[in-house]
Amino acid sequence: MRAAVVNAFDAPPQYGEYPSPVARGEHEMVVDVLAAGLHQLVRGRANGTHYSSTGTFPLVPGVDGVVRDQEGTLRYAVLDDGPLGMFAEQTVIDVRRSVPLPSDVDAVRIAAAMNPAMSSWLALRRRITFEKGQSVLILGATGSSGRMAVQIAKRFGAARVVAAGRNASRLAALHELGADETVTFEQADRAADVDVVIDYVWGEPSAVAMTALIKARRDRGAPLHWIQIGSIAGQTSPVHSAVLRAARLQICGSGIGSVPPRDILEELPEIAEAVHAGEIDVQARPVPLAQVAEAWSVQTDDRIVFVP
């Protein structure tokens, strides 16, 4: 079969031949891949920068996507760690890690949205006890995951959502998606009294924002949940020890490992339903899998989705 194949951390995948998959486990099945998203997680595993990267080559990347099983049922499936991912004409799924989809679903839309939507959805549902009426600051709100986080926080009943980013025009557009206020990272003190921070940035910008926010907080005894999800600005952050002592700050991460697989699977049907119903705005661009090498490093506002 044809697939995108990675042979080294420092080289993009190449479109070529790869052995056809074989189902071996009791719950495994060979499926046809219809659409698979190019996410930050996918790139990170392929280039070795993500903590879940195995370094096993050759590797077919792709962690999730929309597939058609042998009975013609459409499914959204999440793959476990392994050398055969979703960027192929066929792959092997564990049916227990998949959810059936309506026959009229937009496969590209689902493949584009599920992974980025899952990040904030799981953070608010599974990593903390989020209550309606609380307020949320989203650091890195102009990216695909951040845009969805604005909408998901509102969906879960947030009374106030503050979106933080660098691009002024992209920030302005977030008001239409539910953001009550937009700020730059340097203006984080304007969101000092939020209850939750969803952080897709980390690095130096998050440390600066955290310090400014803590200093401006009116009630430092009020709980502040800081959920670390992404690290586009750096894998490490120079957080000053004083901010950990000066307020009731609780930092936790949300991602592979910190959220049990069972918890993830329980949330998938509702996320898929929300995306299918158009309740979450999705920016997606389908690209033929044969063009994977050219599209691998393209910078775009749309989520690239490969279609075989």
C-alpha atoms as a PDB file:
ATOM      1  CA  MET A   1       0.000   0.000   0.000  1.00  0.00           C
ATOM      2  CA  ARG A   2       0.968   3.674  -0.199  1.00  0.00           C
ATOM      3  CA  ALA A   3       1.837   5.624   2.929  1.00  0.00           C
ATOM      4  CA  ALA A   4       3.835   8.543   4.338  1.00  0.00           C
ATOM      5  CA  VAL A   5       7.031   7.114   5.804  1.00  0.00           C
ATOM      6  CA  VAL A   6       9.481   8.761   8.230  1.00  0.00           C
ATOM      7  CA  ASN A   7      12.999   7.314   8.318  1.00  0.00           C
ATOM      8  CA  ALA A   8      14.787   9.891  10.487  1.00  0.00           C
ATOM      9  CA  PHE A   9      13.968  12.609  13.022  1.00  0.00           C
ATOM     10  CA  ASP A  10      15.455  15.343  10.827  1.00  0.00           C
ATOM     11  CA  ALA A  11      13.667  14.499   7.572  1.00  0.00           C
ATOM     12  CA  PRO A  12      10.010  14.925   6.532  1.00  0.00           C
ATOM     13  CA  PRO A  13       7.968  11.864   5.623  1.00  0.00           C
ATOM     14  CA  GLN A  14       8.140  10.590   2.072  1.00  0.00           C
ATOM     15  CA  TYR A  15       5.225   9.136   0.136  1.00  0.00           C
ATOM     16  CA  GLY A  16       5.974   5.584  -0.912  1.00  0.00           C
ATOM     17  CA  GLU A  17       5.341   1.893  -0.465  1.00  0.00           C
ATOM     18  CA  TYR A  18       4.803   0.328   2.955  1.00  0.00           C
ATOM     19  CA  PRO A  19       3.753  -3.238   3.854  1.00  0.00           C
ATOM     20  CA  SER A  20      -0.001  -3.744   3.995  1.00  0.00           C
ATOM     21  CA  PRO A  21      -1.271  -4.046   7.572  1.00  0.00           C
ATOM     22  CA  VAL A  22      -2.375  -7.256   9.234  1.00  0.00           C
ATOM     23  CA  ALA A  23      -4.728  -7.481  12.209  1.00  0.00           C
ATOM     24  CA  ARG A  24      -3.375  -9.767  14.911  1.00  0.00           C
ATOM     25  CA  GLY A  25      -5.116  -8.992  18.201  1.00  0.00           C
ATOM     26  CA  GLU A  26      -8.601 -10.044  19.234  1.00  0.00           C
ATOM     27  CA  HIS A  27      -9.975  -6.503  18.972  1.00  0.00           C
ATOM     28  CA  GLU A  28      -7.933  -5.365  15.970  1.00  0.00           C
ATOM     29  CA  MET A  29      -9.210  -4.752  12.473  1.00  0.00           C
ATOM     30  CA  VAL A  30      -7.759  -3.467   9.217  1.00  0.00           C
ATOM     31  CA  VAL A  31      -9.542  -0.323   8.063  1.00  0.00           C
ATOM     32  CA  ASP A  32      -9.419   2.100   5.160  1.00  0.00           C
ATOM     33  CA  VAL A  33      -8.218   5.564   6.154  1.00  0.00           C
ATOM     34  CA  LEU A  34     -10.416   8.409   4.888  1.00  0.00           C
ATOM     35  CA  ALA A  35      -8.869  11.426   6.618  1.00  0.00           C
ATOM     36  CA  ALA A  36      -6.105  12.060   9.182  1.00  0.00           C
ATOM     37  CA  GLY A  37      -5.044  15.378  10.708  1.00  0.00           C
ATOM     38  CA  LEU A  38      -1.535  16.821  10.831  1.00  0.00           C
ATOM     39  CA  HIS A  39      -1.355  17.883  14.477  1.00  0.00           C
ATOM     40  CA  GLN A  40       1.492  19.257  16.584  1.00  0.00           C
ATOM     41  CA  LEU A  41       1.540  15.889  18.340  1.00  0.00           C
ATOM     42  CA  VAL A  42       2.072  14.139  15.008  1.00  0.00           C
ATOM     43  CA  ARG A  43       4.994  16.374  14.071  1.00  0.00           C
ATOM     44  CA  GLY A  44       6.479  16.099  17.564  1.00  0.00           C
ATOM     45  CA  ARG A  45       6.435  12.307  17.555  1.00  0.00           C
ATOM     46  CA  ALA A  46       7.967  12.224  14.076  1.00  0.00           C
ATOM     47  CA  ASN A  47      10.799  14.659  14.836  1.00  0.00           C
ATOM     48  CA  GLY A  48      11.494  13.413  18.363  1.00  0.00           C
ATOM     49  CA  THR A  49      10.462  16.548  20.262  1.00  0.00           C
ATOM     50  CA  HIS A  50       7.338  15.097  21.892  1.00  0.00           C
ATOM     51  CA  TYR A  51       7.768  13.155  25.117  1.00  0.00           C
ATOM     52  CA  SER A  52       5.817  10.199  23.712  1.00  0.00           C
ATOM     53  CA  SER A  53       8.117   9.794  20.692  1.00  0.00           C
ATOM     54  CA  THR A  54       9.548   6.265  20.452  1.00  0.00           C
ATOM     55  CA  GLY A  55      12.306   6.853  17.899  1.00  0.00           C
ATOM     56  CA  THR A  56      11.348   3.674  16.027  1.00  0.00           C
ATOM     57  CA  PHE A  57      11.909   3.818  12.254  1.00  0.00           C
ATOM     58  CA  PRO A  58      10.516   3.436   9.701  1.00  0.00           C
ATOM     59  CA  LEU A  59       7.463   5.201  11.087  1.00  0.00           C
ATOM     60  CA  VAL A  60       4.124   5.990   9.480  1.00  0.00           C
ATOM     61  CA  PRO A  61       2.906   9.061  11.404  1.00  0.00           C
ATOM     62  CA  GLY A  62      -0.659  10.009  12.298  1.00  0.00           C
ATOM     63  CA  VAL A  63      -2.313   9.504  15.672  1.00  0.00           C
ATOM     64  CA  ASP A  64      -6.010   9.650  14.829  1.00  0.00           C
ATOM     65  CA  GLY A  65      -8.457   9.933  11.976  1.00  0.00           C
ATOM     66  CA  VAL A  66     -11.654   8.866  10.284  1.00  0.00           C
ATOM     67  CA  VAL A  67     -11.693   5.334   8.900  1.00  0.00           C
ATOM     68  CA  ARG A  68     -14.110   2.921   7.230  1.00  0.00           C
ATOM     69  CA  ASP A  69     -14.241  -0.574   8.697  1.00  0.00           C
ATOM     70  CA  GLN A  70     -14.844  -3.838   6.849  1.00  0.00           C
ATOM     71  CA  GLU A  71     -18.609  -3.533   7.292  1.00  0.00           C
ATOM     72  CA  GLY A  72     -18.709  -0.018   5.848  1.00  0.00           C
ATOM     73  CA  THR A  73     -19.130   1.781   9.177  1.00  0.00           C
ATOM     74  CA  LEU A  74     -17.366   5.099   9.563  1.00  0.00           C
ATOM     75  CA  ARG A  75     -15.356   5.465  12.760  1.00  0.00           C
ATOM     76  CA  TYR A  76     -13.188   7.999  14.503  1.00  0.00           C
ATOM     77  CA  ALA A  77     -10.207   6.082  15.816  1.00  0.00           C
ATOM     78  CA  VAL A  78      -7.239   6.875  18.056  1.00  0.00           C
ATOM     79  CA  LEU A  79      -4.102   4.793  17.645  1.00  0.00           C
ATOM     80  CA  ASP A  80      -1.789   3.548  20.345  1.00  0.00           C
ATOM     81  CA  ASP A  81       1.976   4.019  20.055  1.00  0.00           C
ATOM     82  CA  GLY A  82       3.319   1.979  17.171  1.00  0.00           C
ATOM     83  CA  PRO A  83       5.130   2.207  13.845  1.00  0.00           C
ATOM     84  CA  LEU A  84       1.950   2.222  11.709  1.00  0.00           C
ATOM     85  CA  GLY A  85      -0.061   5.415  12.009  1.00  0.00           C
ATOM     86  CA  MET A  86      -2.909   7.004  10.079  1.00  0.00           C
ATOM     87  CA  PHE A  87      -0.989   8.537   7.166  1.00  0.00           C
ATOM     88  CA  ALA A  88      -1.586   5.516   4.949  1.00  0.00           C
ATOM     89  CA  GLU A  89      -4.215   4.003   2.706  1.00  0.00           C
ATOM     90  CA  GLN A  90      -4.952   1.457   5.435  1.00  0.00           C
ATOM     91  CA  THR A  91      -4.085   0.978   9.081  1.00  0.00           C
ATOM     92  CA  VAL A  92      -4.942  -1.275  12.023  1.00  0.00           C
ATOM     93  CA  ILE A  93      -7.183  -0.017  14.812  1.00  0.00           C
ATOM     94  CA  ASP A  94      -8.267  -1.432  18.125  1.00  0.00           C
ATOM     95  CA  VAL A  95     -12.043  -1.179  17.801  1.00  0.00           C
ATOM     96  CA  ARG A  96     -12.257  -0.379  21.521  1.00  0.00           C
ATOM     97  CA  ARG A  97     -10.343   2.854  20.816  1.00  0.00           C
ATOM     98  CA  SER A  98     -12.849   4.034  18.236  1.00  0.00           C
ATOM     99  CA  VAL A  99     -16.368   5.442  18.071  1.00  0.00           C
ATOM    100  CA  PRO A 100     -18.906   4.958  15.254  1.00  0.00           C
ATOM    101  CA  LEU A 101     -19.839   8.052  13.247  1.00  0.00           C
ATOM    102  CA  PRO A 102     -22.947   8.985  11.249  1.00  0.00           C
ATOM    103  CA  SER A 103     -22.791   7.954   7.604  1.00  0.00           C
ATOM    104  CA  ASP A 104     -23.137  11.584   6.479  1.00  0.00           C
ATOM    105  CA  VAL A 105     -20.250  12.878   8.607  1.00  0.00           C
ATOM    106  CA  ASP A 106     -17.676  15.223   7.086  1.00  0.00           C
ATOM    107  CA  ALA A 107     -14.558  13.084   7.500  1.00  0.00           C
ATOM    108  CA  VAL A 108     -12.159  15.985   6.950  1.00  0.00           C
ATOM    109  CA  ARG A 109     -13.929  18.134   9.534  1.00  0.00           C
ATOM    110  CA  ILE A 110     -13.847  15.374  12.165  1.00  0.00           C
ATOM    111  CA  ALA A 111     -10.204  14.532  11.474  1.00  0.00           C
ATOM    112  CA  ALA A 112      -9.232  18.189  11.742  1.00  0.00           C
ATOM    113  CA  ALA A 113     -11.108  18.929  14.945  1.00  0.00           C
ATOM    114  CA  MET A 114     -10.980  15.978  17.308  1.00  0.00           C
ATOM    115  CA  ASN A 115      -7.356  16.185  18.430  1.00  0.00           C
ATOM    116  CA  PRO A 116      -7.204  19.960  19.068  1.00  0.00           C
ATOM    117  CA  ALA A 117     -10.691  20.012  20.592  1.00  0.00           C
ATOM    118  CA  MET A 118      -9.812  17.116  22.854  1.00  0.00           C
ATOM    119  CA  SER A 119      -7.007  19.073  24.521  1.00  0.00           C
ATOM    120  CA  SER A 120      -9.138  21.677  26.308  1.00  0.00           C
ATOM    121  CA  TRP A 121     -12.181  19.402  26.559  1.00  0.00           C
ATOM    122  CA  LEU A 122     -10.258  16.793  28.566  1.00  0.00           C
ATOM    123  CA  ALA A 123      -8.480  19.458  30.598  1.00  0.00           C
ATOM    124  CA  LEU A 124     -11.737  20.959  31.815  1.00  0.00           C
ATOM    125  CA  ARG A 125     -13.594  17.667  32.151  1.00  0.00           C
ATOM    126  CA  ARG A 126     -10.931  15.322  33.476  1.00  0.00           C
ATOM    127  CA  ARG A 127      -8.029  17.256  35.013  1.00  0.00           C
ATOM    128  CA  ILE A 128      -9.919  19.684  37.249  1.00  0.00           C
ATOM    129  CA  THR A 129     -13.436  20.126  38.577  1.00  0.00           C
ATOM    130  CA  PHE A 130     -14.687  22.943  36.387  1.00  0.00           C
ATOM    131  CA  GLU A 131     -17.918  24.637  37.445  1.00  0.00           C
ATOM    132  CA  LYS A 132     -20.336  26.767  35.478  1.00  0.00           C
ATOM    133  CA  GLY A 133     -19.815  30.442  36.109  1.00  0.00           C
ATOM    134  CA  GLN A 134     -16.049  30.217  36.501  1.00  0.00           C
ATOM    135  CA  SER A 135     -13.680  32.295  34.350  1.00  0.00           C
ATOM    136  CA  VAL A 136     -10.940  31.084  32.023  1.00  0.00           C
ATOM    137  CA  LEU A 137      -7.793  32.584  30.513  1.00  0.00           C
ATOM    138  CA  ILE A 138      -6.472  30.852  27.389  1.00  0.00           C
ATOM    139  CA  LEU A 139      -2.795  31.425  26.582  1.00  0.00           C
ATOM    140  CA  GLY A 140      -2.151  30.783  22.904  1.00  0.00           C
ATOM    141  CA  ALA A 141      -5.766  31.312  21.902  1.00  0.00           C
ATOM    142  CA  THR A 142      -5.075  32.153  18.255  1.00  0.00           C
ATOM    143  CA  GLY A 143      -3.930  28.648  17.318  1.00  0.00           C
ATOM    144  CA  SER A 144      -6.283  25.865  16.250  1.00  0.00           C
ATOM    145  CA  SER A 145      -6.473  24.304  19.729  1.00  0.00           C
ATOM    146  CA  GLY A 146      -6.773  27.704  21.407  1.00  0.00           C
ATOM    147  CA  ARG A 147      -9.632  28.816  19.145  1.00  0.00           C
ATOM    148  CA  MET A 148     -11.510  25.656  20.050  1.00  0.00           C
ATOM    149  CA  ALA A 149     -10.701  26.123  23.734  1.00  0.00           C
ATOM    150  CA  VAL A 150     -12.558  29.454  23.660  1.00  0.00           C
ATOM    151  CA  GLN A 151     -15.646  27.720  22.322  1.00  0.00           C
ATOM    152  CA  ILE A 152     -15.383  24.708  24.610  1.00  0.00           C
ATOM    153  CA  ALA A 153     -14.954  26.803  27.743  1.00  0.00           C
ATOM    154  CA  LYS A 154     -18.135  28.665  26.818  1.00  0.00           C
ATOM    155  CA  ARG A 155     -19.889  25.385  26.063  1.00  0.00           C
ATOM    156  CA  PHE A 156     -19.062  24.184  29.579  1.00  0.00           C
ATOM    157  CA  GLY A 157     -20.546  27.306  31.117  1.00  0.00           C
ATOM    158  CA  ALA A 158     -17.631  29.701  31.591  1.00  0.00           C
ATOM    159  CA  ALA A 159     -18.963  33.126  32.585  1.00  0.00           C
ATOM    160  CA  ARG A 160     -15.892  34.921  31.231  1.00  0.00           C
ATOM    161  CA  VAL A 161     -13.304  33.782  28.705  1.00  0.00           C
ATOM    162  CA  VAL A 162     -10.171  35.849  28.154  1.00  0.00           C
ATOM    163  CA  ALA A 163      -8.141  34.985  25.038  1.00  0.00           C
ATOM    164  CA  ALA A 164      -4.427  35.812  25.002  1.00  0.00           C
ATOM    165  CA  GLY A 165      -2.136  35.826  21.982  1.00  0.00           C
ATOM    166  CA  ARG A 166       0.249  37.915  19.896  1.00  0.00           C
ATOM    167  CA  ASN A 167      -1.567  38.450  16.600  1.00  0.00           C
ATOM    168  CA  ALA A 168      -4.039  41.340  16.999  1.00  0.00           C
ATOM    169  CA  SER A 169      -6.206  40.479  13.997  1.00  0.00           C
ATOM    170  CA  ARG A 170      -6.514  36.832  15.014  1.00  0.00           C
ATOM    171  CA  LEU A 171      -7.352  37.859  18.562  1.00  0.00           C
ATOM    172  CA  ALA A 172     -10.106  40.202  17.361  1.00  0.00           C
ATOM    173  CA  ALA A 173     -11.758  37.350  15.464  1.00  0.00           C
ATOM    174  CA  LEU A 174     -12.105  35.339  18.674  1.00  0.00           C
ATOM    175  CA  HIS A 175     -14.917  37.570  19.929  1.00  0.00           C
ATOM    176  CA  GLU A 176     -17.182  35.908  17.363  1.00  0.00           C
ATOM    177  CA  LEU A 177     -16.326  32.530  18.880  1.00  0.00           C
ATOM    178  CA  GLY A 178     -17.233  33.582  22.414  1.00  0.00           C
ATOM    179  CA  ALA A 179     -14.211  35.391  23.850  1.00  0.00           C
ATOM    180  CA  ASP A 180     -15.355  38.115  26.243  1.00  0.00           C
ATOM    181  CA  GLU A 181     -11.985  39.855  26.220  1.00  0.00           C
ATOM    182  CA  THR A 182      -8.685  39.615  24.357  1.00  0.00           C
ATOM    183  CA  VAL A 183      -5.244  40.523  25.707  1.00  0.00           C
ATOM    184  CA  THR A 184      -1.595  40.181  24.772  1.00  0.00           C
ATOM    185  CA  PHE A 185       0.736  38.151  26.975  1.00  0.00           C
ATOM    186  CA  GLU A 186       2.026  41.398  28.459  1.00  0.00           C
ATOM    187  CA  GLN A 187      -1.538  42.281  29.496  1.00  0.00           C
ATOM    188  CA  ALA A 188      -2.140  39.082  31.444  1.00  0.00           C
ATOM    189  CA  ASP A 189      -2.696  41.110  34.618  1.00  0.00           C
ATOM    190  CA  ARG A 190      -6.067  42.139  33.146  1.00  0.00           C
ATOM    191  CA  ALA A 191      -7.133  38.529  33.655  1.00  0.00           C
ATOM    192  CA  ALA A 192      -5.723  38.349  37.165  1.00  0.00           C
ATOM    193  CA  ASP A 193      -8.865  37.041  38.832  1.00  0.00           C
ATOM    194  CA  VAL A 194      -9.678  34.106  36.552  1.00  0.00           C
ATOM    195  CA  ASP A 195     -10.249  30.672  38.025  1.00  0.00           C
ATOM    196  CA  VAL A 196      -8.535  28.613  35.310  1.00  0.00           C
ATOM    197  CA  VAL A 197      -5.667  29.130  32.876  1.00  0.00           C
ATOM    198  CA  ILE A 198      -5.382  26.864  29.826  1.00  0.00           C
ATOM    199  CA  ASP A 199      -1.786  27.150  28.632  1.00  0.00           C
ATOM    200  CA  TYR A 200      -0.721  26.165  25.108  1.00  0.00           C
ATOM    201  CA  VAL A 201       2.463  28.276  25.240  1.00  0.00           C
ATOM    202  CA  TRP A 202       4.772  27.562  28.216  1.00  0.00           C
ATOM    203  CA  GLY A 203       8.350  28.814  27.995  1.00  0.00           C
ATOM    204  CA  GLU A 204       9.273  32.417  28.835  1.00  0.00           C
ATOM    205  CA  PRO A 205       5.866  33.921  27.834  1.00  0.00           C
ATOM    206  CA  SER A 206       3.993  31.745  30.313  1.00  0.00           C
ATOM    207  CA  ALA A 207       6.411  32.594  33.111  1.00  0.00           C
ATOM    208  CA  VAL A 208       5.963  36.316  32.434  1.00  0.00           C
ATOM    209  CA  ALA A 209       2.175  35.978  32.276  1.00  0.00           C
ATOM    210  CA  MET A 210       2.063  33.880  35.450  1.00  0.00           C
ATOM    211  CA  THR A 211       4.085  36.417  37.412  1.00  0.00           C
ATOM    212  CA  ALA A 212       2.005  39.357  36.211  1.00  0.00           C
ATOM    213  CA  LEU A 213      -1.239  37.548  36.905  1.00  0.00           C
ATOM    214  CA  ILE A 214      -0.258  36.498  40.435  1.00  0.00           C
ATOM    215  CA  LYS A 215       0.952  39.985  41.350  1.00  0.00           C
ATOM    216  CA  ALA A 216      -2.319  41.564  40.220  1.00  0.00           C
ATOM    217  CA  ARG A 217      -4.602  38.974  41.808  1.00  0.00           C
ATOM    218  CA  ARG A 218      -6.976  40.578  44.325  1.00  0.00           C
ATOM    219  CA  ASP A 219      -7.585  37.433  46.349  1.00  0.00           C
ATOM    220  CA  ARG A 220      -4.467  35.299  46.296  1.00  0.00           C
ATOM    221  CA  GLY A 221      -6.191  32.758  48.492  1.00  0.00           C
ATOM    222  CA  ALA A 222      -8.714  31.976  45.757  1.00  0.00           C
ATOM    223  CA  PRO A 223      -7.819  28.756  43.871  1.00  0.00           C
ATOM    224  CA  LEU A 224      -6.152  29.191  40.487  1.00  0.00           C
ATOM    225  CA  HIS A 225      -5.815  26.100  38.288  1.00  0.00           C
ATOM    226  CA  TRP A 226      -3.072  26.430  35.670  1.00  0.00           C
ATOM    227  CA  ILE A 227      -3.428  23.611  33.120  1.00  0.00           C
ATOM    228  CA  GLN A 228      -0.333  23.120  30.970  1.00  0.00           C
ATOM    229  CA  ILE A 229      -1.160  21.558  27.593  1.00  0.00           C
ATOM    230  CA  GLY A 230       1.202  22.838  24.895  1.00  0.00           C
ATOM    231  CA  SER A 231       4.726  24.190  24.686  1.00  0.00           C
ATOM    232  CA  ILE A 232       5.043  26.158  21.457  1.00  0.00           C
ATOM    233  CA  ALA A 233       7.264  28.740  23.182  1.00  0.00           C
ATOM    234  CA  GLY A 234       9.557  26.276  24.940  1.00  0.00           C
ATOM    235  CA  GLN A 235       9.715  22.917  26.708  1.00  0.00           C
ATOM    236  CA  THR A 236      10.839  24.544  29.949  1.00  0.00           C
ATOM    237  CA  SER A 237       9.581  27.672  31.703  1.00  0.00           C
ATOM    238  CA  PRO A 238      11.547  29.842  34.181  1.00  0.00           C
ATOM    239  CA  VAL A 239       8.786  30.049  36.783  1.00  0.00           C
ATOM    240  CA  HIS A 240       9.957  31.975  39.849  1.00  0.00           C
ATOM    241  CA  SER A 241       9.524  30.079  43.086  1.00  0.00           C
ATOM    242  CA  ALA A 242       7.793  33.092  44.655  1.00  0.00           C
ATOM    243  CA  VAL A 243       4.692  32.714  42.486  1.00  0.00           C
ATOM    244  CA  LEU A 244       4.170  29.226  43.891  1.00  0.00           C
ATOM    245  CA  ARG A 245       4.180  30.606  47.415  1.00  0.00           C
ATOM    246  CA  ALA A 246       2.399  33.908  46.823  1.00  0.00           C
ATOM    247  CA  ALA A 247      -0.940  32.487  45.738  1.00  0.00           C
ATOM    248  CA  ARG A 248      -3.059  29.359  45.841  1.00  0.00           C
ATOM    249  CA  LEU A 249      -1.707  28.262  42.481  1.00  0.00           C
ATOM    250  CA  GLN A 250      -2.084  24.683  41.320  1.00  0.00           C
ATOM    251  CA  ILE A 251      -0.191  23.687  38.174  1.00  0.00           C
ATOM    252  CA  CYS A 252      -1.074  20.474  36.399  1.00  0.00           C
ATOM    253  CA  GLY A 253      -0.588  19.036  32.945  1.00  0.00           C
ATOM    254  CA  SER A 254      -3.149  17.516  30.620  1.00  0.00           C
ATOM    255  CA  GLY A 255      -2.105  15.074  27.922  1.00  0.00           C
ATOM    256  CA  ILE A 256      -1.066  11.538  27.157  1.00  0.00           C
ATOM    257  CA  GLY A 257      -0.387   9.811  30.464  1.00  0.00           C
ATOM    258  CA  SER A 258      -2.016  12.338  32.779  1.00  0.00           C
ATOM    259  CA  VAL A 259      -5.466  11.514  31.370  1.00  0.00           C
ATOM    260  CA  PRO A 260      -6.182   7.755  31.448  1.00  0.00           C
ATOM    261  CA  PRO A 261      -7.189   6.156  28.121  1.00  0.00           C
ATOM    262  CA  ARG A 262     -10.562   5.159  29.557  1.00  0.00           C
ATOM    263  CA  ASP A 263     -11.338   8.789  30.388  1.00  0.00           C
ATOM    264  CA  ILE A 264     -10.404   9.865  26.863  1.00  0.00           C
ATOM    265  CA  LEU A 265     -12.568   7.211  25.251  1.00  0.00           C
ATOM    266  CA  GLU A 266     -15.563   8.133  27.388  1.00  0.00           C
ATOM    267  CA  GLU A 267     -15.420  11.721  26.119  1.00  0.00           C
ATOM    268  CA  LEU A 268     -14.947  10.948  22.409  1.00  0.00           C
ATOM    269  CA  PRO A 269     -18.614  10.407  21.435  1.00  0.00           C
ATOM    270  CA  GLU A 270     -19.726  13.764  22.823  1.00  0.00           C
ATOM    271  CA  ILE A 271     -16.812  15.595  21.209  1.00  0.00           C
ATOM    272  CA  ALA A 272     -17.543  13.968  17.846  1.00  0.00           C
ATOM    273  CA  GLU A 273     -21.220  14.831  18.158  1.00  0.00           C
ATOM    274  CA  ALA A 274     -20.424  18.482  18.892  1.00  0.00           C
ATOM    275  CA  VAL A 275     -18.087  18.716  15.890  1.00  0.00           C
ATOM    276  CA  HIS A 276     -20.541  16.959  13.573  1.00  0.00           C
ATOM    277  CA  ALA A 277     -23.369  19.260  14.700  1.00  0.00           C
ATOM    278  CA  GLY A 278     -21.296  22.335  13.836  1.00  0.00           C
ATOM    279  CA  GLU A 279     -21.101  23.493  17.450  1.00  0.00           C
ATOM    280  CA  ILE A 280     -17.323  23.909  17.204  1.00  0.00           C
ATOM    281  CA  ASP A 281     -15.866  26.073  14.455  1.00  0.00           C
ATOM    282  CA  VAL A 282     -13.316  24.130  12.403  1.00  0.00           C
ATOM    283  CA  GLN A 283     -10.758  25.428   9.925  1.00  0.00           C
ATOM    284  CA  ALA A 284      -9.645  22.481   7.818  1.00  0.00           C
ATOM    285  CA  ARG A 285      -7.801  22.039   4.531  1.00  0.00           C
ATOM    286  CA  PRO A 286      -7.710  18.632   2.825  1.00  0.00           C
ATOM    287  CA  VAL A 287      -4.415  17.736   1.155  1.00  0.00           C
ATOM    288  CA  PRO A 288      -3.651  14.577  -0.860  1.00  0.00           C
ATOM    289  CA  LEU A 289      -1.395  12.264   1.125  1.00  0.00           C
ATOM    290  CA  ALA A 290       0.934  12.111  -1.877  1.00  0.00           C
ATOM    291  CA  GLN A 291       1.853  15.744  -1.082  1.00  0.00           C
ATOM    292  CA  VAL A 292       2.879  14.997   2.518  1.00  0.00           C
ATOM    293  CA  ALA A 293       6.517  16.073   2.109  1.00  0.00           C
ATOM    294  CA  GLU A 294       5.527  19.471   0.702  1.00  0.00           C
ATOM    295  CA  ALA A 295       2.776  20.093   3.277  1.00  0.00           C
ATOM    296  CA  TRP A 296       4.637  18.789   6.336  1.00  0.00           C
ATOM    297  CA  SER A 297       6.136  22.136   7.409  1.00  0.00           C
ATOM    298  CA  VAL A 298       3.619  24.533   5.860  1.00  0.00           C
ATOM    299  CA  GLN A 299       2.512  27.320   8.203  1.00  0.00           C
ATOM    300  CA  THR A 300      -1.233  27.839   7.885  1.00  0.00           C
ATOM    301  CA  ASP A 301      -4.227  28.869   9.996  1.00  0.00           C
ATOM    302  CA  ASP A 302      -6.086  25.803   8.716  1.00  0.00           C
ATOM    303  CA  ARG A 303      -5.586  22.330  10.135  1.00  0.00           C
ATOM    304  CA  ILE A 304      -4.111  20.225   7.348  1.00  0.00           C
ATOM    305  CA  VAL A 305      -5.910  16.923   6.846  1.00  0.00           C
ATOM    306  CA  PHE A 306      -4.375  14.252   4.648  1.00  0.00           C
ATOM    307  CA  VAL A 307      -6.686  12.237   2.430  1.00  0.00           C
ATOM    308  CA  PRO A 308      -5.324   9.150   0.619  1.00  0.00           C
END
